[in-house]
Amino acid sequence: MGLQGLVKDYDLNVANNVAKVQTYWVDFGFNFTNDIALRGMYAMNKYDWAVPSALDDSPNAYKVILDVNQNALKFTSLWLEYAKLDATFATQINGLSYAEQNGSGINTPALGIDNPLRNDEMKYWFVYAEQKWNDKFATFQRYLDVTYDLETFASSHKNWLFGMRYMYTPALQFELLYDKIDADNGYDDDMIRFRTSVSF
């Protein structure tokens, strides 16, 4: 179990209309066995708006996760995650969102999880599975279902991903995947990606 707090007090911050933001959260983990665990988090934001705003200045969020190791299921690992974020709740640590906004500020089909101006309650299901067939070869799948109550900030969407990974050596890895997005606003896209990773 852990308790954390983060306070950002800006001298000047024109982005997102936030003069000061406080975030506090508690997280926990409970191991049913060595291979099956329940995890969770409850978080609170407190905003001081730079300019008076009608947006919620005290949003909350929570998530619950079931983490199952491949040793338990034999053929796959499984990560089941459900989360609910109040309107305007935003993470304050870079890198926690599933995707970023592009350079022009237009929302890609991301969670909008890092923007306090997201005036939509957001819920999502996230499922990840990985199958390690041997020391060199693995396959993995991801499913993400995001819904917004108003869809004014971004569109509800679903994301599927299927991939495989091959460790040629401990320092050289090849990865091939297919990734598809279906969004309520008609933004549908997919891609095939091949990536080579070298570790030093």
N, C-alpha and C. Protein backbone atom coordinates (compact mmCIF):
# COMPACT_ATOMS: atom_id res chain seq x y z
N MET A 1 0.86 -1.18 0.00
CA MET A 1 0.00 0.00 0.00
C MET A 1 0.89 1.23 0.00
N GLY A 2 0.45 2.27 -0.70
CA GLY A 2 1.25 3.48 -0.78
C GLY A 2 0.37 4.72 -0.80
N LEU A 3 0.93 5.82 -0.34
CA LEU A 3 0.24 7.11 -0.33
C LEU A 3 1.17 8.14 -0.94
N GLN A 4 0.69 8.87 -1.95
CA GLN A 4 1.53 9.84 -2.65
C GLN A 4 0.82 11.18 -2.77
N GLY A 5 1.63 12.21 -2.96
CA GLY A 5 1.09 13.55 -3.20
C GLY A 5 2.02 14.32 -4.11
N LEU A 6 1.42 15.15 -4.97
CA LEU A 6 2.20 15.96 -5.91
C LEU A 6 1.52 17.32 -6.02
N VAL A 7 2.29 18.39 -5.79
CA VAL A 7 1.75 19.75 -5.88
C VAL A 7 2.57 20.53 -6.90
N LYS A 8 1.88 21.14 -7.87
CA LYS A 8 2.53 22.02 -8.84
C LYS A 8 1.95 23.42 -8.68
N ASP A 9 2.82 24.37 -8.38
CA ASP A 9 2.42 25.77 -8.18
C ASP A 9 3.15 26.59 -9.23
N TYR A 10 2.42 27.14 -10.21
CA TYR A 10 3.03 27.79 -11.36
C TYR A 10 3.16 29.30 -11.14
N ASP A 11 4.32 29.86 -11.53
CA ASP A 11 4.46 31.32 -11.58
C ASP A 11 3.64 31.86 -12.75
N LEU A 12 3.70 31.14 -13.86
CA LEU A 12 2.95 31.53 -15.05
C LEU A 12 2.63 30.28 -15.83
N ASN A 13 1.36 30.04 -16.05
CA ASN A 13 0.95 28.87 -16.82
C ASN A 13 -0.30 29.21 -17.61
N VAL A 14 -0.12 29.55 -18.87
CA VAL A 14 -1.27 29.89 -19.70
C VAL A 14 -1.94 28.64 -20.25
N ALA A 15 -1.19 27.55 -20.30
CA ALA A 15 -1.78 26.31 -20.81
C ALA A 15 -2.71 25.71 -19.77
N ASN A 16 -3.88 25.27 -20.19
CA ASN A 16 -4.85 24.56 -19.36
C ASN A 16 -5.46 25.40 -18.25
N ASN A 17 -5.13 26.71 -18.16
CA ASN A 17 -5.79 27.61 -17.21
C ASN A 17 -5.60 27.17 -15.75
N VAL A 18 -4.49 26.53 -15.42
CA VAL A 18 -4.25 26.04 -14.07
C VAL A 18 -3.12 26.84 -13.42
N ALA A 19 -3.41 27.49 -12.28
CA ALA A 19 -2.37 28.20 -11.53
C ALA A 19 -1.70 27.28 -10.52
N LYS A 20 -2.47 26.35 -9.97
CA LYS A 20 -1.93 25.41 -9.00
C LYS A 20 -2.75 24.13 -9.05
N VAL A 21 -2.08 23.01 -8.97
CA VAL A 21 -2.78 21.73 -8.97
C VAL A 21 -2.18 20.84 -7.89
N GLN A 22 -3.06 20.21 -7.13
CA GLN A 22 -2.65 19.24 -6.12
C GLN A 22 -3.25 17.89 -6.48
N THR A 23 -2.44 16.85 -6.42
CA THR A 23 -2.90 15.50 -6.70
C THR A 23 -2.45 14.58 -5.57
N TYR A 24 -3.40 13.84 -5.00
CA TYR A 24 -3.10 12.89 -3.93
C TYR A 24 -3.73 11.55 -4.31
N TRP A 25 -2.99 10.48 -4.08
CA TRP A 25 -3.57 9.19 -4.41
C TRP A 25 -3.03 8.10 -3.49
N VAL A 26 -3.86 7.10 -3.30
CA VAL A 26 -3.49 5.92 -2.54
C VAL A 26 -3.61 4.72 -3.47
N ASP A 27 -2.62 3.84 -3.42
CA ASP A 27 -2.69 2.63 -4.23
C ASP A 27 -2.42 1.42 -3.35
N PHE A 28 -2.90 0.27 -3.81
CA PHE A 28 -2.75 -0.94 -3.01
C PHE A 28 -2.55 -2.14 -3.92
N GLY A 29 -2.01 -3.20 -3.35
CA GLY A 29 -1.90 -4.47 -4.04
C GLY A 29 -2.13 -5.59 -3.04
N PHE A 30 -2.88 -6.58 -3.45
CA PHE A 30 -3.14 -7.75 -2.60
C PHE A 30 -2.87 -9.00 -3.42
N ASN A 31 -1.94 -9.82 -2.97
CA ASN A 31 -1.58 -11.05 -3.68
C ASN A 31 -2.40 -12.22 -3.16
N PHE A 32 -3.30 -12.72 -3.99
CA PHE A 32 -4.05 -13.93 -3.63
C PHE A 32 -3.10 -15.12 -3.60
N THR A 33 -2.23 -15.20 -4.62
CA THR A 33 -1.17 -16.20 -4.70
C THR A 33 0.05 -15.48 -5.24
N ASN A 34 1.14 -16.22 -5.48
CA ASN A 34 2.32 -15.61 -6.08
C ASN A 34 2.06 -15.16 -7.52
N ASP A 35 0.98 -15.67 -8.14
CA ASP A 35 0.73 -15.39 -9.55
C ASP A 35 -0.56 -14.64 -9.83
N ILE A 36 -1.37 -14.37 -8.82
CA ILE A 36 -2.64 -13.66 -9.00
C ILE A 36 -2.73 -12.53 -7.99
N ALA A 37 -2.93 -11.31 -8.48
CA ALA A 37 -2.95 -10.14 -7.59
C ALA A 37 -4.09 -9.21 -7.96
N LEU A 38 -4.63 -8.55 -6.95
CA LEU A 38 -5.61 -7.47 -7.12
C LEU A 38 -4.91 -6.16 -6.81
N ARG A 39 -5.03 -5.20 -7.71
CA ARG A 39 -4.39 -3.90 -7.52
C ARG A 39 -5.44 -2.80 -7.70
N GLY A 40 -5.18 -1.66 -7.12
CA GLY A 40 -6.14 -0.57 -7.26
C GLY A 40 -5.54 0.76 -6.89
N MET A 41 -6.29 1.85 -7.20
CA MET A 41 -5.84 3.20 -6.94
C MET A 41 -7.05 4.12 -6.80
N TYR A 42 -6.97 5.04 -5.84
CA TYR A 42 -7.97 6.11 -5.72
C TYR A 42 -7.21 7.42 -5.66
N ALA A 43 -7.64 8.41 -6.47
CA ALA A 43 -6.89 9.66 -6.59
C ALA A 43 -7.83 10.85 -6.54
N MET A 44 -7.28 11.99 -6.09
CA MET A 44 -8.03 13.25 -6.00
C MET A 44 -7.18 14.38 -6.56
N ASN A 45 -7.81 15.25 -7.36
CA ASN A 45 -7.19 16.50 -7.83
C ASN A 45 -7.82 17.68 -7.12
N LYS A 46 -7.03 18.74 -6.93
CA LYS A 46 -7.57 20.04 -6.47
C LYS A 46 -6.91 21.11 -7.31
N TYR A 47 -7.74 21.86 -8.09
CA TYR A 47 -7.22 22.90 -8.98
C TYR A 47 -7.48 24.29 -8.42
N ASP A 48 -6.51 25.16 -8.60
CA ASP A 48 -6.72 26.60 -8.48
C ASP A 48 -6.63 27.15 -9.90
N TRP A 49 -7.78 27.53 -10.46
CA TRP A 49 -7.79 27.99 -11.85
C TRP A 49 -7.14 29.36 -11.96
N ALA A 50 -6.37 29.58 -13.03
CA ALA A 50 -5.73 30.87 -13.27
C ALA A 50 -6.78 31.94 -13.56
N VAL A 51 -7.84 31.54 -14.23
CA VAL A 51 -8.98 32.41 -14.52
C VAL A 51 -10.22 31.68 -14.01
N PRO A 52 -11.15 32.39 -13.33
CA PRO A 52 -12.35 31.70 -12.80
C PRO A 52 -13.01 30.81 -13.86
N SER A 53 -13.39 29.62 -13.42
CA SER A 53 -13.93 28.64 -14.36
C SER A 53 -15.09 27.90 -13.71
N ALA A 54 -16.04 27.48 -14.53
CA ALA A 54 -17.17 26.69 -14.05
C ALA A 54 -16.82 25.20 -14.02
N LEU A 55 -15.63 24.83 -14.46
CA LEU A 55 -15.23 23.43 -14.47
C LEU A 55 -15.02 22.93 -13.04
N ASP A 56 -15.20 21.65 -12.85
CA ASP A 56 -15.01 21.02 -11.55
C ASP A 56 -13.56 21.19 -11.10
N ASP A 57 -13.37 21.71 -9.88
CA ASP A 57 -12.00 21.92 -9.38
C ASP A 57 -11.56 20.85 -8.38
N SER A 58 -12.42 19.83 -8.12
CA SER A 58 -12.06 18.77 -7.16
C SER A 58 -12.49 17.39 -7.69
N PRO A 59 -11.98 16.99 -8.85
CA PRO A 59 -12.39 15.70 -9.41
C PRO A 59 -11.65 14.53 -8.76
N ASN A 60 -12.24 13.34 -8.89
CA ASN A 60 -11.66 12.11 -8.34
C ASN A 60 -11.54 11.07 -9.45
N ALA A 61 -10.79 10.00 -9.15
CA ALA A 61 -10.65 8.89 -10.09
C ALA A 61 -10.30 7.63 -9.32
N TYR A 62 -10.65 6.49 -9.92
CA TYR A 62 -10.21 5.23 -9.33
C TYR A 62 -9.99 4.20 -10.44
N LYS A 63 -9.18 3.20 -10.13
CA LYS A 63 -9.01 2.07 -11.05
C LYS A 63 -8.81 0.81 -10.24
N VAL A 64 -9.26 -0.32 -10.84
CA VAL A 64 -9.12 -1.64 -10.23
C VAL A 64 -8.51 -2.56 -11.27
N ILE A 65 -7.54 -3.37 -10.86
CA ILE A 65 -6.78 -4.21 -11.78
C ILE A 65 -6.70 -5.63 -11.23
N LEU A 66 -6.92 -6.61 -12.11
CA LEU A 66 -6.63 -8.01 -11.81
C LEU A 66 -5.43 -8.41 -12.65
N ASP A 67 -4.35 -8.80 -11.99
CA ASP A 67 -3.08 -9.11 -12.63
C ASP A 67 -2.80 -10.61 -12.45
N VAL A 68 -2.84 -11.35 -13.57
CA VAL A 68 -2.66 -12.81 -13.51
C VAL A 68 -1.42 -13.18 -14.30
N ASN A 69 -0.46 -13.81 -13.65
CA ASN A 69 0.78 -14.24 -14.28
C ASN A 69 0.54 -15.47 -15.16
N GLN A 70 1.38 -15.66 -16.16
CA GLN A 70 1.22 -16.82 -17.04
C GLN A 70 1.37 -18.14 -16.28
N ASN A 71 2.07 -18.15 -15.16
CA ASN A 71 2.21 -19.39 -14.38
C ASN A 71 0.85 -19.90 -13.90
N ALA A 72 -0.11 -18.98 -13.69
CA ALA A 72 -1.42 -19.38 -13.19
C ALA A 72 -2.28 -19.98 -14.29
N LEU A 73 -2.27 -19.35 -15.47
CA LEU A 73 -3.13 -19.80 -16.57
C LEU A 73 -2.41 -20.73 -17.54
N LYS A 74 -1.09 -20.85 -17.37
CA LYS A 74 -0.25 -21.75 -18.17
C LYS A 74 0.01 -21.25 -19.59
N PHE A 75 -1.02 -20.77 -20.31
CA PHE A 75 -0.82 -20.41 -21.70
C PHE A 75 -0.72 -18.90 -21.93
N THR A 76 -1.14 -18.06 -20.96
CA THR A 76 -1.10 -16.62 -21.15
C THR A 76 -1.08 -15.90 -19.81
N SER A 77 -0.54 -14.69 -19.80
CA SER A 77 -0.74 -13.77 -18.69
C SER A 77 -1.98 -12.94 -19.02
N LEU A 78 -2.55 -12.27 -18.02
CA LEU A 78 -3.77 -11.49 -18.24
C LEU A 78 -3.79 -10.29 -17.30
N TRP A 79 -4.04 -9.11 -17.88
CA TRP A 79 -4.15 -7.87 -17.12
C TRP A 79 -5.53 -7.29 -17.44
N LEU A 80 -6.43 -7.23 -16.45
CA LEU A 80 -7.78 -6.66 -16.61
C LEU A 80 -7.86 -5.39 -15.79
N GLU A 81 -8.16 -4.27 -16.43
CA GLU A 81 -8.16 -2.97 -15.75
C GLU A 81 -9.44 -2.21 -16.07
N TYR A 82 -10.10 -1.71 -15.02
CA TYR A 82 -11.26 -0.83 -15.19
C TYR A 82 -10.98 0.47 -14.45
N ALA A 83 -11.32 1.60 -15.08
CA ALA A 83 -11.08 2.89 -14.45
C ALA A 83 -12.24 3.84 -14.72
N LYS A 84 -12.48 4.73 -13.77
CA LYS A 84 -13.47 5.80 -13.93
C LYS A 84 -12.83 7.11 -13.47
N LEU A 85 -12.86 8.13 -14.33
CA LEU A 85 -12.27 9.43 -14.04
C LEU A 85 -13.35 10.49 -14.16
N ASP A 86 -13.53 11.29 -13.12
CA ASP A 86 -14.47 12.41 -13.19
C ASP A 86 -14.03 13.37 -14.28
N ALA A 87 -15.00 14.18 -14.73
CA ALA A 87 -14.67 15.27 -15.67
C ALA A 87 -13.59 16.15 -15.04
N THR A 88 -12.63 16.56 -15.81
CA THR A 88 -11.48 17.41 -15.47
C THR A 88 -10.38 16.69 -14.69
N PHE A 89 -10.61 15.44 -14.25
CA PHE A 89 -9.51 14.76 -13.58
C PHE A 89 -8.39 14.50 -14.59
N ALA A 90 -7.16 14.78 -14.20
CA ALA A 90 -6.02 14.59 -15.10
C ALA A 90 -4.82 14.08 -14.32
N THR A 91 -4.08 13.16 -14.93
CA THR A 91 -2.82 12.75 -14.33
C THR A 91 -1.83 13.89 -14.48
N GLN A 92 -0.91 14.01 -13.56
CA GLN A 92 0.05 15.11 -13.56
C GLN A 92 1.49 14.62 -13.78
N ILE A 93 1.63 13.38 -14.24
CA ILE A 93 2.95 12.83 -14.52
C ILE A 93 3.00 12.45 -15.98
N ASN A 94 3.96 13.00 -16.72
CA ASN A 94 4.05 12.74 -18.16
C ASN A 94 4.25 11.25 -18.41
N GLY A 95 3.66 10.79 -19.50
CA GLY A 95 3.89 9.42 -19.91
C GLY A 95 2.81 8.44 -19.50
N LEU A 96 1.79 8.89 -18.75
CA LEU A 96 0.77 7.96 -18.31
C LEU A 96 -0.38 7.83 -19.30
N SER A 97 -0.48 8.74 -20.26
CA SER A 97 -1.56 8.64 -21.24
C SER A 97 -1.19 7.60 -22.29
N TYR A 98 -2.20 7.00 -22.90
CA TYR A 98 -1.96 5.98 -23.91
C TYR A 98 -1.47 6.58 -25.22
N ALA A 99 -1.76 7.85 -25.45
CA ALA A 99 -1.26 8.53 -26.65
C ALA A 99 -1.23 10.02 -26.37
N GLU A 100 -0.58 10.77 -27.22
CA GLU A 100 -0.42 12.21 -27.01
C GLU A 100 -1.22 12.98 -28.05
N GLN A 101 -1.41 14.28 -27.81
CA GLN A 101 -1.99 15.13 -28.83
C GLN A 101 -0.94 15.39 -29.90
N ASN A 102 -1.40 15.60 -31.13
CA ASN A 102 -0.42 15.89 -32.17
C ASN A 102 0.00 17.35 -32.10
N GLY A 103 0.93 17.74 -32.97
CA GLY A 103 1.53 19.07 -32.87
C GLY A 103 0.54 20.21 -33.03
N SER A 104 -0.56 20.00 -33.74
CA SER A 104 -1.53 21.07 -33.93
C SER A 104 -2.55 21.16 -32.80
N GLY A 105 -2.43 20.28 -31.82
CA GLY A 105 -3.35 20.31 -30.69
C GLY A 105 -4.63 19.54 -30.92
N ILE A 106 -4.78 18.94 -32.09
CA ILE A 106 -5.98 18.15 -32.38
C ILE A 106 -5.88 16.82 -31.64
N ASN A 107 -6.98 16.42 -31.03
CA ASN A 107 -6.95 15.19 -30.24
C ASN A 107 -6.85 13.97 -31.13
N THR A 108 -5.84 13.17 -30.89
CA THR A 108 -5.82 11.84 -31.48
C THR A 108 -6.73 10.97 -30.64
N PRO A 109 -7.09 9.78 -31.08
CA PRO A 109 -7.96 8.93 -30.24
C PRO A 109 -7.23 8.45 -28.99
N ALA A 110 -6.96 9.37 -28.10
CA ALA A 110 -6.26 9.06 -26.85
C ALA A 110 -7.25 9.13 -25.71
N LEU A 111 -6.79 8.87 -24.52
CA LEU A 111 -7.67 8.91 -23.36
C LEU A 111 -7.95 10.32 -22.88
N GLY A 112 -7.14 11.29 -23.28
CA GLY A 112 -7.29 12.63 -22.73
C GLY A 112 -7.06 12.63 -21.24
N ILE A 113 -6.23 11.69 -20.79
CA ILE A 113 -6.09 11.45 -19.36
C ILE A 113 -5.20 12.49 -18.69
N ASP A 114 -4.51 13.32 -19.49
CA ASP A 114 -3.57 14.27 -18.92
C ASP A 114 -4.00 15.73 -19.13
N ASN A 115 -5.29 15.96 -19.43
CA ASN A 115 -5.76 17.31 -19.71
C ASN A 115 -6.90 17.69 -18.76
N PRO A 116 -6.68 18.68 -17.86
CA PRO A 116 -7.72 19.07 -16.90
C PRO A 116 -8.93 19.75 -17.54
N LEU A 117 -8.83 20.13 -18.81
CA LEU A 117 -9.96 20.76 -19.49
C LEU A 117 -10.89 19.73 -20.14
N ARG A 118 -10.61 18.44 -19.92
CA ARG A 118 -11.48 17.39 -20.44
C ARG A 118 -12.77 17.39 -19.61
N ASN A 119 -13.79 18.09 -20.08
CA ASN A 119 -15.02 18.23 -19.31
C ASN A 119 -15.98 17.07 -19.60
N ASP A 120 -15.45 15.86 -19.54
CA ASP A 120 -16.23 14.65 -19.77
C ASP A 120 -15.82 13.61 -18.73
N GLU A 121 -16.80 12.99 -18.10
CA GLU A 121 -16.48 11.81 -17.30
C GLU A 121 -16.00 10.72 -18.26
N MET A 122 -14.98 10.01 -17.85
CA MET A 122 -14.39 9.00 -18.72
C MET A 122 -14.32 7.66 -17.99
N LYS A 123 -14.68 6.60 -18.70
CA LYS A 123 -14.55 5.24 -18.18
C LYS A 123 -13.82 4.41 -19.24
N TYR A 124 -13.03 3.47 -18.78
CA TYR A 124 -12.40 2.61 -19.76
C TYR A 124 -12.13 1.22 -19.21
N TRP A 125 -12.16 0.25 -20.12
CA TRP A 125 -11.71 -1.12 -19.88
C TRP A 125 -10.42 -1.32 -20.66
N PHE A 126 -9.43 -1.90 -20.02
CA PHE A 126 -8.17 -2.19 -20.68
C PHE A 126 -7.80 -3.63 -20.38
N VAL A 127 -7.55 -4.40 -21.44
CA VAL A 127 -7.19 -5.82 -21.30
C VAL A 127 -5.89 -6.05 -22.06
N TYR A 128 -4.94 -6.68 -21.39
CA TYR A 128 -3.67 -7.01 -22.04
C TYR A 128 -3.32 -8.45 -21.73
N ALA A 129 -2.92 -9.19 -22.75
CA ALA A 129 -2.52 -10.59 -22.58
C ALA A 129 -1.22 -10.81 -23.33
N GLU A 130 -0.35 -11.63 -22.75
CA GLU A 130 0.91 -11.97 -23.40
C GLU A 130 1.20 -13.45 -23.20
N GLN A 131 1.66 -14.09 -24.28
CA GLN A 131 1.98 -15.51 -24.24
C GLN A 131 3.47 -15.69 -24.53
N LYS A 132 4.21 -16.15 -23.56
CA LYS A 132 5.64 -16.42 -23.75
C LYS A 132 5.78 -17.90 -24.09
N TRP A 133 6.07 -18.17 -25.37
CA TRP A 133 6.13 -19.54 -25.84
C TRP A 133 7.47 -20.20 -25.50
N ASN A 134 8.51 -19.39 -25.48
CA ASN A 134 9.83 -19.85 -25.04
C ASN A 134 10.68 -18.62 -24.73
N ASP A 135 11.96 -18.79 -24.53
CA ASP A 135 12.82 -17.67 -24.16
C ASP A 135 12.97 -16.65 -25.27
N LYS A 136 12.63 -17.02 -26.50
CA LYS A 136 12.85 -16.12 -27.63
C LYS A 136 11.57 -15.57 -28.25
N PHE A 137 10.45 -16.28 -28.15
CA PHE A 137 9.26 -15.92 -28.92
C PHE A 137 8.07 -15.68 -28.01
N ALA A 138 7.34 -14.57 -28.27
CA ALA A 138 6.13 -14.24 -27.50
C ALA A 138 5.12 -13.58 -28.42
N THR A 139 3.84 -13.74 -28.10
CA THR A 139 2.76 -13.03 -28.76
C THR A 139 2.00 -12.22 -27.72
N PHE A 140 1.31 -11.16 -28.16
CA PHE A 140 0.59 -10.31 -27.21
C PHE A 140 -0.61 -9.67 -27.89
N GLN A 141 -1.62 -9.34 -27.07
CA GLN A 141 -2.85 -8.72 -27.55
C GLN A 141 -3.28 -7.63 -26.56
N ARG A 142 -3.93 -6.60 -27.09
CA ARG A 142 -4.43 -5.52 -26.24
C ARG A 142 -5.82 -5.12 -26.73
N TYR A 143 -6.71 -4.82 -25.77
CA TYR A 143 -8.05 -4.30 -26.11
C TYR A 143 -8.34 -3.13 -25.18
N LEU A 144 -8.78 -2.02 -25.75
CA LEU A 144 -9.08 -0.81 -24.98
C LEU A 144 -10.43 -0.29 -25.42
N ASP A 145 -11.34 -0.07 -24.46
CA ASP A 145 -12.68 0.45 -24.74
C ASP A 145 -12.90 1.68 -23.87
N VAL A 146 -12.92 2.87 -24.49
CA VAL A 146 -13.01 4.14 -23.77
C VAL A 146 -14.35 4.79 -24.08
N THR A 147 -15.07 5.21 -23.04
CA THR A 147 -16.34 5.92 -23.24
C THR A 147 -16.33 7.22 -22.47
N TYR A 148 -16.88 8.28 -23.10
CA TYR A 148 -17.06 9.58 -22.48
C TYR A 148 -18.55 9.83 -22.32
N ASP A 149 -18.96 10.47 -21.23
CA ASP A 149 -20.39 10.67 -21.02
C ASP A 149 -20.97 11.70 -21.96
N LEU A 150 -20.20 12.74 -22.35
CA LEU A 150 -20.71 13.78 -23.23
C LEU A 150 -20.07 13.76 -24.61
N GLU A 151 -18.87 13.26 -24.72
CA GLU A 151 -18.11 13.23 -25.96
C GLU A 151 -17.91 14.63 -26.53
N THR A 152 -17.70 15.61 -25.65
CA THR A 152 -17.37 16.96 -26.12
C THR A 152 -15.86 17.15 -26.24
N PHE A 153 -15.10 16.43 -25.42
CA PHE A 153 -13.64 16.56 -25.46
C PHE A 153 -13.04 15.63 -26.51
N ALA A 154 -13.50 14.42 -26.54
CA ALA A 154 -13.00 13.43 -27.49
C ALA A 154 -14.09 12.40 -27.72
N SER A 155 -13.87 11.53 -28.66
CA SER A 155 -14.88 10.55 -29.02
C SER A 155 -14.61 9.22 -28.35
N SER A 156 -15.68 8.56 -27.89
CA SER A 156 -15.53 7.20 -27.39
C SER A 156 -14.95 6.33 -28.49
N HIS A 157 -14.12 5.37 -28.10
CA HIS A 157 -13.43 4.59 -29.11
C HIS A 157 -12.98 3.25 -28.56
N LYS A 158 -12.66 2.35 -29.48
CA LYS A 158 -12.13 1.03 -29.16
C LYS A 158 -10.82 0.84 -29.90
N ASN A 159 -9.92 0.09 -29.30
CA ASN A 159 -8.61 -0.16 -29.88
C ASN A 159 -8.25 -1.63 -29.71
N TRP A 160 -7.84 -2.27 -30.82
CA TRP A 160 -7.37 -3.65 -30.79
C TRP A 160 -5.93 -3.68 -31.25
N LEU A 161 -5.14 -4.55 -30.64
CA LEU A 161 -3.76 -4.70 -31.06
C LEU A 161 -3.38 -6.18 -30.96
N PHE A 162 -2.69 -6.67 -32.00
CA PHE A 162 -2.17 -8.04 -32.01
C PHE A 162 -0.72 -7.98 -32.45
N GLY A 163 0.17 -8.65 -31.72
CA GLY A 163 1.57 -8.57 -32.08
C GLY A 163 2.36 -9.80 -31.70
N MET A 164 3.60 -9.84 -32.22
CA MET A 164 4.52 -10.91 -31.87
C MET A 164 5.91 -10.31 -31.68
N ARG A 165 6.69 -10.95 -30.82
CA ARG A 165 8.01 -10.45 -30.46
C ARG A 165 9.01 -11.60 -30.53
N TYR A 166 10.17 -11.32 -31.15
CA TYR A 166 11.21 -12.34 -31.24
C TYR A 166 12.53 -11.78 -30.73
N MET A 167 13.09 -12.43 -29.72
CA MET A 167 14.38 -12.04 -29.17
C MET A 167 15.47 -12.83 -29.89
N TYR A 168 16.09 -12.20 -30.89
CA TYR A 168 17.14 -12.88 -31.64
C TYR A 168 18.35 -13.15 -30.75
N THR A 169 18.72 -12.13 -29.96
CA THR A 169 19.71 -12.26 -28.90
C THR A 169 19.18 -11.47 -27.71
N PRO A 170 19.80 -11.57 -26.53
CA PRO A 170 19.33 -10.75 -25.41
C PRO A 170 19.35 -9.24 -25.70
N ALA A 171 20.15 -8.81 -26.68
CA ALA A 171 20.27 -7.38 -26.98
C ALA A 171 19.54 -6.97 -28.25
N LEU A 172 19.04 -7.93 -29.04
CA LEU A 172 18.40 -7.62 -30.31
C LEU A 172 17.01 -8.23 -30.36
N GLN A 173 16.00 -7.36 -30.57
CA GLN A 173 14.61 -7.80 -30.55
C GLN A 173 13.87 -7.30 -31.78
N PHE A 174 13.02 -8.16 -32.35
CA PHE A 174 12.16 -7.78 -33.47
C PHE A 174 10.70 -7.87 -33.03
N GLU A 175 9.89 -6.90 -33.48
CA GLU A 175 8.48 -6.88 -33.09
C GLU A 175 7.62 -6.52 -34.29
N LEU A 176 6.56 -7.29 -34.51
CA LEU A 176 5.60 -7.04 -35.58
C LEU A 176 4.21 -6.99 -34.97
N LEU A 177 3.43 -5.92 -35.29
CA LEU A 177 2.10 -5.82 -34.70
C LEU A 177 1.12 -5.17 -35.67
N TYR A 178 -0.16 -5.44 -35.40
CA TYR A 178 -1.27 -4.80 -36.10
C TYR A 178 -2.11 -4.07 -35.06
N ASP A 179 -2.42 -2.78 -35.33
CA ASP A 179 -3.11 -1.92 -34.37
C ASP A 179 -4.28 -1.26 -35.08
N LYS A 180 -5.49 -1.31 -34.48
CA LYS A 180 -6.69 -0.77 -35.12
C LYS A 180 -7.50 0.06 -34.12
N ILE A 181 -8.03 1.21 -34.58
CA ILE A 181 -8.85 2.10 -33.77
C ILE A 181 -10.19 2.31 -34.47
N ASP A 182 -11.29 2.19 -33.71
CA ASP A 182 -12.63 2.52 -34.17
C ASP A 182 -13.21 3.56 -33.22
N ALA A 183 -13.56 4.74 -33.73
CA ALA A 183 -14.06 5.83 -32.89
C ALA A 183 -15.46 6.26 -33.32
N ASP A 184 -16.25 6.73 -32.36
CA ASP A 184 -17.63 7.14 -32.64
C ASP A 184 -17.70 8.34 -33.59
N ASN A 185 -16.63 9.16 -33.62
CA ASN A 185 -16.66 10.33 -34.49
C ASN A 185 -16.27 10.00 -35.92
N GLY A 186 -16.16 8.72 -36.23
CA GLY A 186 -15.82 8.32 -37.58
C GLY A 186 -14.34 8.20 -37.83
N TYR A 187 -13.52 8.53 -36.82
CA TYR A 187 -12.07 8.40 -36.97
C TYR A 187 -11.70 6.95 -36.78
N ASP A 188 -11.53 6.23 -37.87
CA ASP A 188 -11.12 4.84 -37.84
C ASP A 188 -9.79 4.72 -38.57
N ASP A 189 -8.89 3.98 -38.01
CA ASP A 189 -7.58 3.85 -38.63
C ASP A 189 -6.94 2.55 -38.18
N ASP A 190 -5.93 2.11 -38.92
CA ASP A 190 -5.18 0.94 -38.51
C ASP A 190 -3.77 1.05 -39.06
N MET A 191 -2.88 0.24 -38.52
CA MET A 191 -1.50 0.27 -38.99
C MET A 191 -0.84 -1.08 -38.74
N ILE A 192 0.19 -1.34 -39.52
CA ILE A 192 1.09 -2.47 -39.31
C ILE A 192 2.46 -1.89 -39.01
N ARG A 193 3.09 -2.35 -37.94
CA ARG A 193 4.38 -1.80 -37.55
C ARG A 193 5.40 -2.91 -37.34
N PHE A 194 6.57 -2.74 -37.90
CA PHE A 194 7.70 -3.62 -37.65
C PHE A 194 8.79 -2.81 -36.98
N ARG A 195 9.27 -3.26 -35.84
CA ARG A 195 10.25 -2.49 -35.09
C ARG A 195 11.42 -3.40 -34.69
N THR A 196 12.62 -2.85 -34.80
CA THR A 196 13.83 -3.51 -34.34
C THR A 196 14.38 -2.73 -33.17
N SER A 197 14.65 -3.41 -32.05
CA SER A 197 15.18 -2.76 -30.85
C SER A 197 16.55 -3.36 -30.52
N VAL A 198 17.52 -2.47 -30.29
CA VAL A 198 18.87 -2.88 -29.92
C VAL A 198 19.19 -2.29 -28.56
N SER A 199 19.60 -3.12 -27.62
CA SER A 199 19.96 -2.66 -26.28
C SER A 199 21.47 -2.72 -26.11
N PHE A 200 22.02 -1.71 -25.47
CA PHE A 200 23.45 -1.65 -25.22
C PHE A 200 23.75 -1.80 -23.73
